[in-house]
Amino acid sequence: MELQNLTLLIVGITFAIYIFIAFWARAKNTNEFYIAGGDIHPIANGMATAADWMSAASFISMAGLISFFGYGGSVFLMGWTGGYVLLALLLAPYLRKHGSFTVPEFISDRYYSKTARVVAVVCLIIASVTYVIGQMKGIGVAFSRFLEVDYDQGLSIGMIIVFIYAVMGGMKGITYTQIAQYVIMIIAYTIPAIFISFMLTGNPIPQIGLGSQLSDGTYLLDKLDKIVSDLGFYEYTTSPRLSLVNMFFYTLSLMIGTAGLPHVIMRFFTVPSVKAARSSAGWALVFIAVLYTTAPAVAAMARYNLLITIEQPNMEENLAYEKRPSWFKNWEKTGLLKFEDKNQDGLIQYNNFESNEMIKVDRDIMVLANPEIAKLPNWVIALVAAGGIAAALSTAAGLLLAIASSISHDLLKGVFMPNISEKNELRASRFAMAISIAVAGYFGFNPPDFAAGTVALAFGLAASSIFPALMMGIFSKSMNKEGAIAGMLAGISVTLLYVFQHKGFMFIQSTAYLGNMEPNWFFGIEPNAFGSIGAIFNFLVAYLVCRKYSPPPPIVAEMIIKIRRP
């Protein structure tokens, strides 16, 4: 069967599964819509959490980043997995014991303030919308390549699928759909890795194949180091992409951003007990580790396959453009791979010198193109397409639910219409979800200038605003509402200002206060690593403001003691 037809068949089957599950597990009340009834098994929730977490950024982009950055890309592995340890130890059990539906609801109760709730909702929406832009972009790219439609059509199809199973099913439907998506995702990720590892090294276990020898007796990483250095790039295993300071703060930002992402935290409200929340976090780490330990092997092998296909150190060995393989032609159509024959010799030169003729090799194509480059069977290529789409859809649904619940439950019921009926609240939740999908789709069709860094930026925004408020709310009896509100506002504001100033927004650059500052002016720290600095500002401002106002009422101290009691 031809690749396109096979892709349509496999992707169509997965969509049918998602929609069937959404109708089978559709939410009948707000309890099922927000927290899936609160009775999800820890293993099932761990699998759903892994799918919710492993977005298009993890499935498609992470290995692509490591593939090009080499050692420097390890920051994503350390930050994203380390954040789950923080979440499991410091947040999930206590938030589950409190019994909230949402993160802003906990903040409202802990800081005895509707204003704090509104500020938390604003921070949540900013971080979640920033994150969902990347998912919508991933949906559009995946559909446009593998279904051979244009980007706008691909994104439109994806929005319809998300609308059906997210709006109808709520958290209950999304949970069971994400379990199916995890299975599809992990199969789609590991099967090509097993094939390629065996083809290159004779070892079918990718994690071991990464450190194994090629057929000529040379170790894979040694050979890759030599090829990239001959082409003028840094050695793959020693690439100094980030300074030590940036590596530290980038990792920290990703870690605490992970622990502060509302759509991930919400998953721990769906299990029946505190013990189950801890167990669920542990299972999530196990399921995530399957992909995250495979990613470095996928990245290195994808880069190696790309190099030996179109790049050679000696000019006479370079590939003739007219003889370029079919995968090269396919990705040229997307605009993510571009060639310019600068010296008119008909050969492809790809290096880190002025003679480089591969003017664009988008790092996000590496995982999706790798099976084609390695000449794997069409069914494997189609399976990877289904996995990439599942990754983007699963996280998009979780993010949209977090946004919708914050609007309907936290703003509408929690602040403006406290006496709203459950039926009307559920209707409002679904309406808010539909509006959220439309807004997210708009940004997908019209991504802002900083869309390429949206995922890391979203983690920074969550790290600088939500994580400190949760930590102080659980572990500090003296933190009052004034301190928490001031801290959240300070943290997210300073992070957004730094990012926008770095990106050259005219209304920021033209001011006397920030206009003459250089990019990365704050000790050389990159914007995507600045969330950890924003968190420090949050803690500091909260502490200083807290001292000038009255301590929390005794009932709050009692609540803290209760949720921290084993």
Protein backbone atom coordinates (compact mmCIF):
# COMPACT_ATOMS: atom_id res chain seq x y z
CA MET A 1 0.00 0.00 0.00
CA GLU A 2 1.24 3.50 -0.82
CA LEU A 3 2.52 5.62 2.05
CA GLN A 4 -0.24 8.24 1.90
CA ASN A 5 -3.04 5.67 1.85
CA LEU A 6 -1.44 3.70 4.64
CA THR A 7 -1.01 6.88 6.70
CA LEU A 8 -4.64 7.83 6.15
CA LEU A 9 -5.72 4.36 7.24
CA ILE A 10 -3.63 4.23 10.44
CA VAL A 11 -4.32 7.83 11.46
CA GLY A 12 -8.02 7.33 10.67
CA ILE A 13 -8.17 4.24 12.89
CA THR A 14 -6.56 6.12 15.78
CA PHE A 15 -9.02 9.01 15.38
CA ALA A 16 -11.93 6.58 15.42
CA ILE A 17 -10.57 5.14 18.69
CA TYR A 18 -10.26 8.61 20.27
CA ILE A 19 -13.77 9.65 19.29
CA PHE A 20 -15.31 6.33 20.39
CA ILE A 21 -13.65 6.66 23.80
CA ALA A 22 -14.84 10.27 24.12
CA PHE A 23 -18.47 9.24 23.62
CA TRP A 24 -18.13 6.13 25.77
CA ALA A 25 -16.60 8.06 28.68
CA ARG A 26 -18.38 11.40 28.19
CA ALA A 27 -18.76 13.49 31.32
CA LYS A 28 -22.26 13.63 32.81
CA ASN A 29 -21.52 16.10 35.62
CA THR A 30 -18.90 18.64 36.67
CA ASN A 31 -17.12 16.10 38.86
CA GLU A 32 -16.47 13.89 35.84
CA PHE A 33 -15.72 16.88 33.60
CA TYR A 34 -13.06 18.36 35.90
CA ILE A 35 -11.51 15.38 37.71
CA ALA A 36 -12.92 12.30 35.90
CA GLY A 37 -14.93 11.33 38.99
CA GLY A 38 -11.81 11.15 41.16
CA ASP A 39 -11.53 7.36 40.89
CA ILE A 40 -8.92 6.77 38.14
CA HIS A 41 -6.48 3.95 38.94
CA PRO A 42 -2.90 5.20 39.63
CA ILE A 43 -1.41 3.14 36.77
CA ALA A 44 -4.03 4.37 34.31
CA ASN A 45 -3.57 7.95 35.51
CA GLY A 46 0.21 7.58 35.27
CA MET A 47 -0.16 6.55 31.64
CA ALA A 48 -2.58 9.40 30.92
CA THR A 49 -0.25 11.84 32.69
CA ALA A 50 2.66 10.65 30.55
CA ALA A 51 0.61 11.25 27.39
CA ASP A 52 -0.56 14.62 28.69
CA TRP A 53 3.03 15.56 29.38
CA MET A 54 4.76 14.14 26.29
CA SER A 55 3.55 16.72 23.84
CA ALA A 56 4.71 17.42 20.33
CA ALA A 57 7.70 19.03 22.04
CA SER A 58 8.76 15.70 23.56
CA PHE A 59 7.79 13.43 20.67
CA ILE A 60 8.92 15.58 17.76
CA SER A 61 11.10 18.44 18.97
CA MET A 62 13.18 17.06 21.85
CA ALA A 63 15.10 14.46 19.84
CA GLY A 64 15.48 17.05 17.08
CA LEU A 65 17.03 19.49 19.55
CA ILE A 66 19.39 16.83 20.90
CA SER A 67 20.17 15.77 17.33
CA PHE A 68 21.47 19.22 16.47
CA PHE A 69 22.74 20.38 19.86
CA GLY A 70 24.24 17.08 20.98
CA TYR A 71 25.41 17.28 24.57
CA GLY A 72 23.87 20.74 24.92
CA GLY A 73 20.41 19.30 24.31
CA SER A 74 20.58 17.20 27.48
CA VAL A 75 19.15 20.15 29.40
CA PHE A 76 15.68 19.09 28.24
CA LEU A 77 16.09 15.53 29.48
CA MET A 78 17.29 16.69 32.89
CA GLY A 79 14.81 19.52 33.30
CA TRP A 80 11.63 17.83 32.18
CA THR A 81 12.16 14.54 34.00
CA GLY A 82 13.60 16.22 37.12
CA GLY A 83 10.48 18.35 37.34
CA TYR A 84 8.35 15.27 37.83
CA VAL A 85 10.41 14.32 40.85
CA LEU A 86 9.68 17.75 42.34
CA LEU A 87 6.01 17.37 41.48
CA ALA A 88 5.76 13.91 43.03
CA LEU A 89 7.56 14.90 46.25
CA LEU A 90 6.55 18.50 46.88
CA LEU A 91 3.16 19.19 45.31
CA ALA A 92 0.99 16.33 44.06
CA PRO A 93 0.19 14.57 47.38
CA TYR A 94 -0.63 17.78 49.24
CA LEU A 95 -2.79 19.23 46.48
CA ARG A 96 -4.66 15.94 46.21
CA LYS A 97 -5.27 15.88 49.96
CA HIS A 98 -6.75 19.36 49.80
CA GLY A 99 -9.27 18.03 47.27
CA SER A 100 -9.47 20.97 44.86
CA PHE A 101 -10.71 20.72 41.29
CA THR A 102 -8.15 23.20 39.97
CA VAL A 103 -4.91 24.98 40.90
CA PRO A 104 -6.58 28.44 41.21
CA GLU A 105 -9.16 26.91 43.58
CA PHE A 106 -6.37 25.75 45.91
CA ILE A 107 -4.70 29.16 45.72
CA SER A 108 -8.02 30.84 46.51
CA ASP A 109 -8.60 28.65 49.59
CA ARG A 110 -5.00 28.83 50.82
CA TYR A 111 -4.70 32.59 50.41
CA TYR A 112 -8.34 33.28 51.44
CA SER A 113 -8.77 35.65 48.50
CA LYS A 114 -10.78 35.77 45.29
CA THR A 115 -8.24 38.25 43.97
CA ALA A 116 -5.53 35.63 44.37
CA ARG A 117 -7.76 33.23 42.45
CA VAL A 118 -8.19 35.67 39.58
CA VAL A 119 -4.44 36.37 39.42
CA ALA A 120 -3.76 32.63 39.38
CA VAL A 121 -6.26 32.18 36.53
CA VAL A 122 -4.55 34.93 34.52
CA CYS A 123 -1.13 33.32 35.06
CA LEU A 124 -2.54 29.89 34.18
CA ILE A 125 -4.13 31.13 30.96
CA ILE A 126 -0.96 32.97 29.85
CA ALA A 127 1.22 29.90 30.44
CA SER A 128 -1.27 27.43 28.96
CA VAL A 129 -2.07 29.46 25.86
CA THR A 130 1.65 29.94 25.25
CA TYR A 131 2.10 26.17 25.51
CA VAL A 132 -0.88 25.24 23.34
CA ILE A 133 0.36 27.40 20.45
CA GLY A 134 3.21 24.94 19.99
CA GLN A 135 0.80 21.98 20.04
CA MET A 136 -1.43 23.51 17.40
CA LYS A 137 1.61 24.25 15.25
CA GLY A 138 2.70 20.62 15.66
CA ILE A 139 -0.76 19.37 14.63
CA GLY A 140 -0.69 21.51 11.49
CA VAL A 141 2.83 20.42 10.50
CA ALA A 142 2.14 16.72 11.05
CA PHE A 143 -1.11 16.75 9.07
CA SER A 144 0.27 18.87 6.25
CA ARG A 145 3.18 16.47 5.69
CA PHE A 146 1.59 13.06 6.07
CA LEU A 147 -1.91 13.75 4.75
CA GLU A 148 -0.51 15.90 1.93
CA VAL A 149 -2.79 18.84 2.64
CA ASP A 150 -1.74 22.40 3.28
CA TYR A 151 -0.94 23.61 6.79
CA ASP A 152 -4.26 25.41 7.35
CA GLN A 153 -6.29 22.34 6.34
CA GLY A 154 -4.20 20.11 8.59
CA LEU A 155 -4.69 22.38 11.57
CA SER A 156 -8.44 22.64 10.90
CA ILE A 157 -8.81 18.85 10.89
CA GLY A 158 -6.87 18.60 14.16
CA MET A 159 -9.03 21.28 15.80
CA ILE A 160 -12.21 19.37 14.90
CA ILE A 161 -10.85 16.14 16.41
CA VAL A 162 -9.80 17.92 19.63
CA PHE A 163 -13.19 19.63 19.84
CA ILE A 164 -15.12 16.35 19.60
CA TYR A 165 -13.31 14.33 22.23
CA ALA A 166 -12.30 17.16 24.59
CA VAL A 167 -15.59 19.04 24.72
CA MET A 168 -17.76 15.92 24.91
CA GLY A 169 -15.62 13.87 27.26
CA GLY A 170 -14.13 16.41 29.63
CA MET A 171 -11.43 15.10 31.96
CA LYS A 172 -13.00 11.64 32.03
CA GLY A 173 -12.99 11.27 28.26
CA ILE A 174 -9.58 12.91 27.93
CA THR A 175 -8.09 10.55 30.53
CA TYR A 176 -9.08 7.37 28.72
CA THR A 177 -8.25 8.89 25.34
CA GLN A 178 -4.78 9.81 26.58
CA ILE A 179 -4.21 6.23 27.71
CA ALA A 180 -4.84 5.10 24.12
CA GLN A 181 -2.66 7.94 22.84
CA TYR A 182 0.21 6.92 25.12
CA VAL A 183 0.13 3.38 23.76
CA ILE A 184 0.14 4.66 20.17
CA MET A 185 2.83 7.22 20.97
CA ILE A 186 5.26 4.86 22.64
CA ILE A 187 4.87 2.16 19.99
CA ALA A 188 5.38 4.76 17.26
CA TYR A 189 8.51 6.07 18.97
CA THR A 190 10.22 2.83 19.97
CA ILE A 191 9.59 0.59 16.94
CA PRO A 192 11.56 2.79 14.49
CA ALA A 193 14.28 3.22 17.14
CA ILE A 194 14.58 -0.57 17.50
CA PHE A 195 14.74 -1.05 13.71
CA ILE A 196 17.36 1.67 13.19
CA SER A 197 19.48 0.62 16.19
CA PHE A 198 19.59 -2.94 14.88
CA MET A 199 20.41 -1.79 11.33
CA LEU A 200 23.30 0.42 12.46
CA THR A 201 24.80 -1.48 15.40
CA GLY A 202 23.24 -4.95 15.40
CA ASN A 203 21.72 -4.25 18.82
CA PRO A 204 17.91 -3.91 18.92
CA ILE A 205 17.90 -1.98 22.23
CA PRO A 206 18.34 1.72 21.29
CA GLN A 207 19.66 2.72 24.72
CA ILE A 208 22.49 0.19 24.33
CA GLY A 209 22.88 0.78 20.59
CA LEU A 210 23.79 4.40 21.29
CA GLY A 211 27.05 3.21 22.87
CA SER A 212 27.67 0.34 20.47
CA GLN A 213 29.92 -0.17 17.46
CA LEU A 214 28.99 0.26 13.82
CA SER A 215 29.73 -2.41 11.23
CA ASP A 216 33.24 -0.98 10.62
CA GLY A 217 34.14 -1.41 14.31
CA THR A 218 33.91 2.32 15.11
CA TYR A 219 31.67 3.40 17.96
CA LEU A 220 28.59 5.30 16.79
CA LEU A 221 29.28 8.42 18.86
CA ASP A 222 32.98 8.47 17.87
CA LYS A 223 32.02 8.29 14.20
CA LEU A 224 29.41 11.01 14.65
CA ASP A 225 31.94 13.24 16.43
CA LYS A 226 34.38 12.88 13.54
CA ILE A 227 31.83 13.58 10.82
CA VAL A 228 30.39 16.71 12.43
CA SER A 229 33.81 18.10 13.32
CA ASP A 230 35.03 17.51 9.74
CA LEU A 231 32.04 19.52 8.57
CA GLY A 232 32.93 22.44 10.86
CA PHE A 233 30.45 21.79 13.67
CA TYR A 234 31.27 21.20 17.33
CA GLU A 235 31.76 17.59 18.32
CA TYR A 236 28.41 15.99 19.03
CA THR A 237 29.33 14.78 22.53
CA THR A 238 30.95 18.04 23.68
CA SER A 239 28.79 20.72 22.04
CA PRO A 240 29.01 23.82 24.30
CA ARG A 241 25.63 25.28 23.27
CA LEU A 242 24.93 26.67 26.71
CA SER A 243 27.21 28.28 29.23
CA LEU A 244 27.36 26.73 32.70
CA VAL A 245 25.12 29.51 34.06
CA ASN A 246 22.55 29.03 31.29
CA MET A 247 22.66 25.25 31.66
CA PHE A 248 21.89 25.56 35.38
CA PHE A 249 19.08 28.10 35.11
CA TYR A 250 17.60 26.49 32.00
CA THR A 251 17.42 23.12 33.76
CA LEU A 252 15.99 24.72 36.90
CA SER A 253 13.39 26.63 34.89
CA LEU A 254 12.23 23.47 33.12
CA MET A 255 12.12 21.55 36.41
CA ILE A 256 10.04 24.00 38.42
CA GLY A 257 8.00 24.85 35.32
CA THR A 258 7.09 21.17 35.03
CA ALA A 259 6.02 21.12 38.66
CA GLY A 260 3.94 24.25 38.13
CA LEU A 261 2.11 23.41 34.90
CA PRO A 262 -1.63 23.41 35.74
CA HIS A 263 -2.71 20.82 33.16
CA VAL A 264 -0.22 18.32 34.64
CA ILE A 265 -1.15 19.09 38.26
CA MET A 266 -4.84 18.60 37.45
CA ARG A 267 -4.18 14.96 36.64
CA PHE A 268 -3.43 14.23 40.30
CA PHE A 269 -6.90 15.40 41.33
CA THR A 270 -8.37 12.45 39.38
CA VAL A 271 -7.09 9.66 41.67
CA PRO A 272 -8.95 8.51 44.81
CA SER A 273 -6.35 9.21 47.52
CA VAL A 274 -3.06 10.84 48.49
CA LYS A 275 -1.32 7.46 48.32
CA ALA A 276 -2.70 7.00 44.83
CA ALA A 277 -1.39 10.45 43.84
CA ARG A 278 2.15 9.47 44.88
CA SER A 279 1.85 6.14 43.10
CA SER A 280 0.46 7.83 40.02
CA ALA A 281 3.44 10.22 39.88
CA GLY A 282 5.81 7.25 40.12
CA TRP A 283 4.06 5.39 37.30
CA ALA A 284 4.10 8.54 35.17
CA LEU A 285 7.87 8.70 35.56
CA VAL A 286 8.18 5.07 34.48
CA PHE A 287 6.07 5.62 31.38
CA ILE A 288 7.87 8.86 30.54
CA ALA A 289 11.26 7.19 31.00
CA VAL A 290 10.52 4.77 28.17
CA LEU A 291 10.50 7.63 25.68
CA TYR A 292 13.05 9.85 27.40
CA THR A 293 15.73 7.16 27.59
CA THR A 294 15.11 6.33 23.94
CA ALA A 295 15.30 9.95 22.75
CA PRO A 296 19.13 10.34 22.88
CA ALA A 297 19.53 7.23 20.72
CA VAL A 298 16.88 8.44 18.27
CA ALA A 299 18.59 11.84 18.11
CA ALA A 300 22.12 10.52 17.49
CA MET A 301 21.01 7.92 14.95
CA ALA A 302 18.84 10.43 13.09
CA ARG A 303 21.75 12.86 12.84
CA TYR A 304 24.08 10.08 11.69
CA ASN A 305 21.62 8.89 9.03
CA LEU A 306 21.15 12.45 7.79
CA LEU A 307 24.90 13.03 7.60
CA ILE A 308 25.77 9.86 5.71
CA THR A 309 22.85 10.44 3.32
CA ILE A 310 23.54 14.02 2.17
CA GLU A 311 26.73 15.17 3.91
CA GLN A 312 30.26 13.96 3.29
CA PRO A 313 33.52 15.68 4.28
CA ASN A 314 35.02 15.40 0.76
CA MET A 315 33.42 17.46 -1.97
CA GLU A 316 33.66 14.71 -4.60
CA GLU A 317 31.56 12.43 -2.42
CA ASN A 318 28.68 14.85 -1.99
CA LEU A 319 25.22 13.81 -3.15
CA ALA A 320 24.01 15.16 -6.48
CA TYR A 321 20.88 17.25 -6.01
CA GLU A 322 19.17 15.58 -8.95
CA LYS A 323 19.69 12.20 -7.26
CA ARG A 324 18.33 13.29 -3.89
CA PRO A 325 16.18 10.60 -2.22
CA SER A 326 12.38 10.70 -2.03
CA TRP A 327 12.35 11.72 1.66
CA PHE A 328 14.37 14.82 0.74
CA LYS A 329 11.83 15.77 -1.94
CA ASN A 330 8.91 15.16 0.41
CA TRP A 331 10.26 17.45 3.12
CA GLU A 332 11.21 20.12 0.59
CA LYS A 333 7.49 20.42 -0.18
CA THR A 334 6.78 21.41 3.42
CA GLY A 335 9.32 24.25 3.37
CA LEU A 336 11.10 22.76 6.39
CA LEU A 337 14.03 21.61 4.23
CA LYS A 338 15.55 24.02 1.70
CA PHE A 339 18.54 23.76 -0.64
CA GLU A 340 20.30 26.48 -2.61
CA ASP A 341 23.00 25.53 -5.13
CA LYS A 342 25.36 28.42 -4.43
CA ASN A 343 28.25 27.28 -6.63
CA GLN A 344 26.06 25.78 -9.34
CA ASP A 345 27.84 22.40 -9.28
CA GLY A 346 24.68 20.36 -8.75
CA LEU A 347 26.01 18.83 -5.54
CA ILE A 348 24.69 19.22 -2.01
CA GLN A 349 27.20 20.75 0.39
CA TYR A 350 26.05 20.85 4.01
CA ASN A 351 28.56 22.16 6.53
CA ASN A 352 29.19 24.96 8.99
CA PHE A 353 31.17 27.06 6.53
CA GLU A 354 30.17 29.78 4.06
CA SER A 355 29.70 27.13 1.37
CA ASN A 356 26.77 25.59 3.23
CA GLU A 357 23.97 25.07 0.71
CA MET A 358 21.39 23.53 3.03
CA ILE A 359 19.96 26.89 3.98
CA LYS A 360 17.25 25.32 6.13
CA VAL A 361 17.11 21.99 7.95
CA ASP A 362 14.36 22.36 10.52
CA ARG A 363 15.28 20.36 13.63
CA ASP A 364 11.64 19.36 14.12
CA ILE A 365 11.73 17.10 11.05
CA MET A 366 14.32 14.72 12.50
CA VAL A 367 12.03 12.27 14.31
CA LEU A 368 9.38 12.26 11.60
CA ALA A 369 11.88 12.00 8.74
CA ASN A 370 14.19 9.46 10.40
CA PRO A 371 12.21 6.33 9.35
CA GLU A 372 12.09 7.62 5.76
CA ILE A 373 15.82 8.37 5.76
CA ALA A 374 16.54 4.89 7.11
CA LYS A 375 14.26 3.37 4.41
CA LEU A 376 12.02 1.61 6.90
CA PRO A 377 8.73 0.03 5.73
CA ASN A 378 5.83 2.37 4.95
CA TRP A 379 3.77 1.05 7.86
CA VAL A 380 6.49 2.22 10.28
CA ILE A 381 6.55 5.68 8.68
CA ALA A 382 2.74 5.87 8.92
CA LEU A 383 2.88 4.75 12.55
CA VAL A 384 5.29 7.57 13.38
CA ALA A 385 2.86 10.02 11.80
CA ALA A 386 0.06 8.70 14.03
CA GLY A 387 2.33 8.95 17.08
CA GLY A 388 3.32 12.54 16.37
CA ILE A 389 -0.28 13.58 15.90
CA ALA A 390 -1.31 11.72 19.08
CA ALA A 391 1.40 13.57 21.04
CA ALA A 392 0.18 16.97 19.90
CA LEU A 393 -3.51 16.14 20.36
CA SER A 394 -3.14 14.67 23.86
CA THR A 395 -1.36 17.68 25.32
CA ALA A 396 -3.55 20.16 23.46
CA ALA A 397 -6.64 18.55 25.01
CA GLY A 398 -5.17 18.70 28.53
CA LEU A 399 -4.15 22.32 28.13
CA LEU A 400 -7.50 23.34 26.72
CA LEU A 401 -9.30 21.63 29.60
CA ALA A 402 -7.10 23.51 32.10
CA ILE A 403 -7.94 26.80 30.39
CA ALA A 404 -11.65 26.04 30.15
CA SER A 405 -11.97 24.88 33.76
CA SER A 406 -10.15 27.96 35.03
CA ILE A 407 -12.64 30.16 33.18
CA SER A 408 -15.84 28.27 34.05
CA HIS A 409 -15.05 26.89 37.51
CA ASP A 410 -12.63 29.47 38.90
CA LEU A 411 -13.89 32.71 37.37
CA LEU A 412 -17.55 32.05 36.68
CA LYS A 413 -18.53 29.86 39.65
CA GLY A 414 -15.72 30.87 42.00
CA VAL A 415 -15.97 34.64 41.57
CA PHE A 416 -18.79 36.04 39.44
CA MET A 417 -21.68 33.51 39.67
CA PRO A 418 -21.24 31.42 42.84
CA ASN A 419 -24.86 30.15 42.72
CA ILE A 420 -24.72 28.78 39.17
CA SER A 421 -26.26 25.32 38.82
CA GLU A 422 -24.12 22.29 38.03
CA LYS A 423 -25.86 21.87 34.68
CA ASN A 424 -25.15 25.45 33.66
CA GLU A 425 -21.58 25.23 34.93
CA LEU A 426 -21.02 22.14 32.78
CA ARG A 427 -22.54 23.94 29.81
CA ALA A 428 -20.30 26.93 30.48
CA SER A 429 -17.27 24.64 30.74
CA ARG A 430 -17.95 23.18 27.32
CA PHE A 431 -18.58 26.60 25.84
CA ALA A 432 -15.30 27.86 27.35
CA MET A 433 -13.55 24.81 25.90
CA ALA A 434 -14.93 25.57 22.42
CA ILE A 435 -13.82 29.21 22.70
CA SER A 436 -10.38 28.09 23.91
CA ILE A 437 -10.01 25.79 20.91
CA ALA A 438 -10.96 28.66 18.59
CA VAL A 439 -8.43 31.00 20.23
CA ALA A 440 -5.70 28.35 20.19
CA GLY A 441 -6.51 27.64 16.56
CA TYR A 442 -6.19 31.33 15.74
CA PHE A 443 -2.68 31.38 17.18
CA GLY A 444 -1.95 28.17 15.30
CA PHE A 445 -2.95 29.84 12.03
CA ASN A 446 -1.19 33.09 12.99
CA PRO A 447 1.71 32.14 15.30
CA PRO A 448 3.42 35.11 16.99
CA ASP A 449 7.03 35.99 16.29
CA PHE A 450 8.25 34.04 19.31
CA ALA A 451 6.30 30.83 18.48
CA ALA A 452 9.51 28.81 18.02
CA GLY A 453 10.27 29.15 21.72
CA THR A 454 6.73 28.82 23.04
CA VAL A 455 7.17 25.51 24.85
CA ALA A 456 10.22 26.51 26.89
CA LEU A 457 8.65 29.94 27.45
CA ALA A 458 5.48 28.31 28.80
CA PHE A 459 7.56 26.41 31.35
CA GLY A 460 9.27 29.64 32.34
CA LEU A 461 5.94 31.39 32.85
CA ALA A 462 4.60 28.55 35.01
CA ALA A 463 7.88 28.47 36.94
CA SER A 464 7.85 32.21 37.65
CA SER A 465 4.20 32.51 38.68
CA ILE A 466 2.40 29.35 39.80
CA PHE A 467 5.13 27.14 41.29
CA PRO A 468 6.27 29.61 44.01
CA ALA A 469 2.66 30.32 45.06
CA LEU A 470 2.01 26.59 45.47
CA MET A 471 5.25 25.95 47.35
CA MET A 472 4.70 28.83 49.77
CA GLY A 473 1.08 27.83 50.15
CA ILE A 474 2.02 24.31 51.25
CA PHE A 475 5.20 24.87 53.25
CA SER A 476 4.80 28.36 54.75
CA LYS A 477 2.21 29.11 57.42
CA SER A 478 3.12 32.81 57.47
CA MET A 479 2.65 33.64 53.77
CA ASN A 480 -0.40 35.85 53.40
CA LYS A 481 -2.57 36.80 50.44
CA GLU A 482 -0.83 40.13 49.82
CA GLY A 483 2.56 38.47 49.54
CA ALA A 484 1.32 35.68 47.25
CA ILE A 485 -0.51 38.06 44.90
CA ALA A 486 2.45 40.45 44.68
CA GLY A 487 4.82 37.54 44.10
CA MET A 488 2.80 36.03 41.25
CA LEU A 489 2.45 39.39 39.53
CA ALA A 490 6.14 40.22 39.94
CA GLY A 491 7.34 36.81 38.75
CA ILE A 492 5.30 36.61 35.56
CA SER A 493 5.78 40.31 34.75
CA VAL A 494 9.57 40.29 34.95
CA THR A 495 9.71 37.09 32.87
CA LEU A 496 7.45 38.47 30.14
CA LEU A 497 9.35 41.77 30.05
CA TYR A 498 12.66 39.99 29.66
CA VAL A 499 11.35 37.76 26.87
CA PHE A 500 9.65 40.55 24.95
CA GLN A 501 12.65 42.85 25.29
CA HIS A 502 14.93 40.12 23.98
CA LYS A 503 12.68 39.52 20.99
CA GLY A 504 12.83 43.17 20.05
CA PHE A 505 9.23 44.24 20.51
CA MET A 506 9.15 47.91 19.55
CA PHE A 507 7.05 49.14 22.45
CA ILE A 508 9.56 47.72 24.90
CA GLN A 509 12.72 48.62 23.00
CA SER A 510 11.65 52.21 22.53
CA THR A 511 11.41 52.92 26.26
CA ALA A 512 14.27 54.61 28.03
CA TYR A 513 14.31 51.92 30.69
CA LEU A 514 14.92 48.88 28.48
CA GLY A 515 15.68 50.29 25.05
CA ASN A 516 19.48 50.20 25.13
CA MET A 517 19.89 46.81 26.77
CA GLU A 518 21.55 43.98 24.86
CA PRO A 519 20.01 40.53 24.40
CA ASN A 520 20.65 38.27 27.39
CA TRP A 521 21.68 41.35 29.39
CA PHE A 522 20.92 39.70 32.75
CA PHE A 523 24.19 37.80 33.38
CA GLY A 524 23.96 36.30 29.89
CA ILE A 525 20.86 34.24 30.75
CA GLU A 526 18.68 33.25 27.78
CA PRO A 527 14.96 34.16 27.81
CA ASN A 528 13.91 30.51 27.81
CA ALA A 529 15.99 30.01 30.98
CA PHE A 530 14.70 33.13 32.69
CA GLY A 531 11.69 31.49 34.34
CA SER A 532 13.87 30.39 37.24
CA ILE A 533 14.99 34.01 37.75
CA GLY A 534 11.34 35.05 37.64
CA ALA A 535 10.63 32.47 40.35
CA ILE A 536 13.36 33.97 42.52
CA PHE A 537 11.77 37.41 42.06
CA ASN A 538 8.43 35.86 42.99
CA PHE A 539 9.74 34.38 46.24
CA LEU A 540 11.64 37.57 47.13
CA VAL A 541 8.77 39.99 46.47
CA ALA A 542 6.29 37.72 48.25
CA TYR A 543 8.52 37.57 51.32
CA LEU A 544 9.08 41.35 51.46
CA VAL A 545 5.40 42.23 50.95
CA CYS A 546 4.27 39.54 53.38
CA ARG A 547 6.15 41.20 56.25
CA LYS A 548 4.17 44.44 55.87
CA TYR A 549 0.72 42.87 56.29
CA SER A 550 -1.15 40.76 58.82
CA PRO A 551 -0.48 37.01 58.97
CA PRO A 552 -3.07 34.55 57.61
CA PRO A 553 -6.07 33.71 59.82
CA PRO A 554 -5.79 30.66 62.13
CA ILE A 555 -8.08 28.58 59.91
CA VAL A 556 -5.47 28.75 57.13
CA ALA A 557 -2.73 27.49 59.45
CA GLU A 558 -5.01 24.60 60.41
CA MET A 559 -5.60 23.80 56.73
CA ILE A 560 -1.86 23.68 56.09
CA ILE A 561 -1.30 21.35 59.04
CA LYS A 562 -4.10 19.12 57.79
CA ILE A 563 -2.85 18.73 54.20
CA ARG A 564 0.72 18.12 55.41
CA ARG A 565 -0.27 15.49 57.95
CA PRO A 566 0.64 11.97 56.66
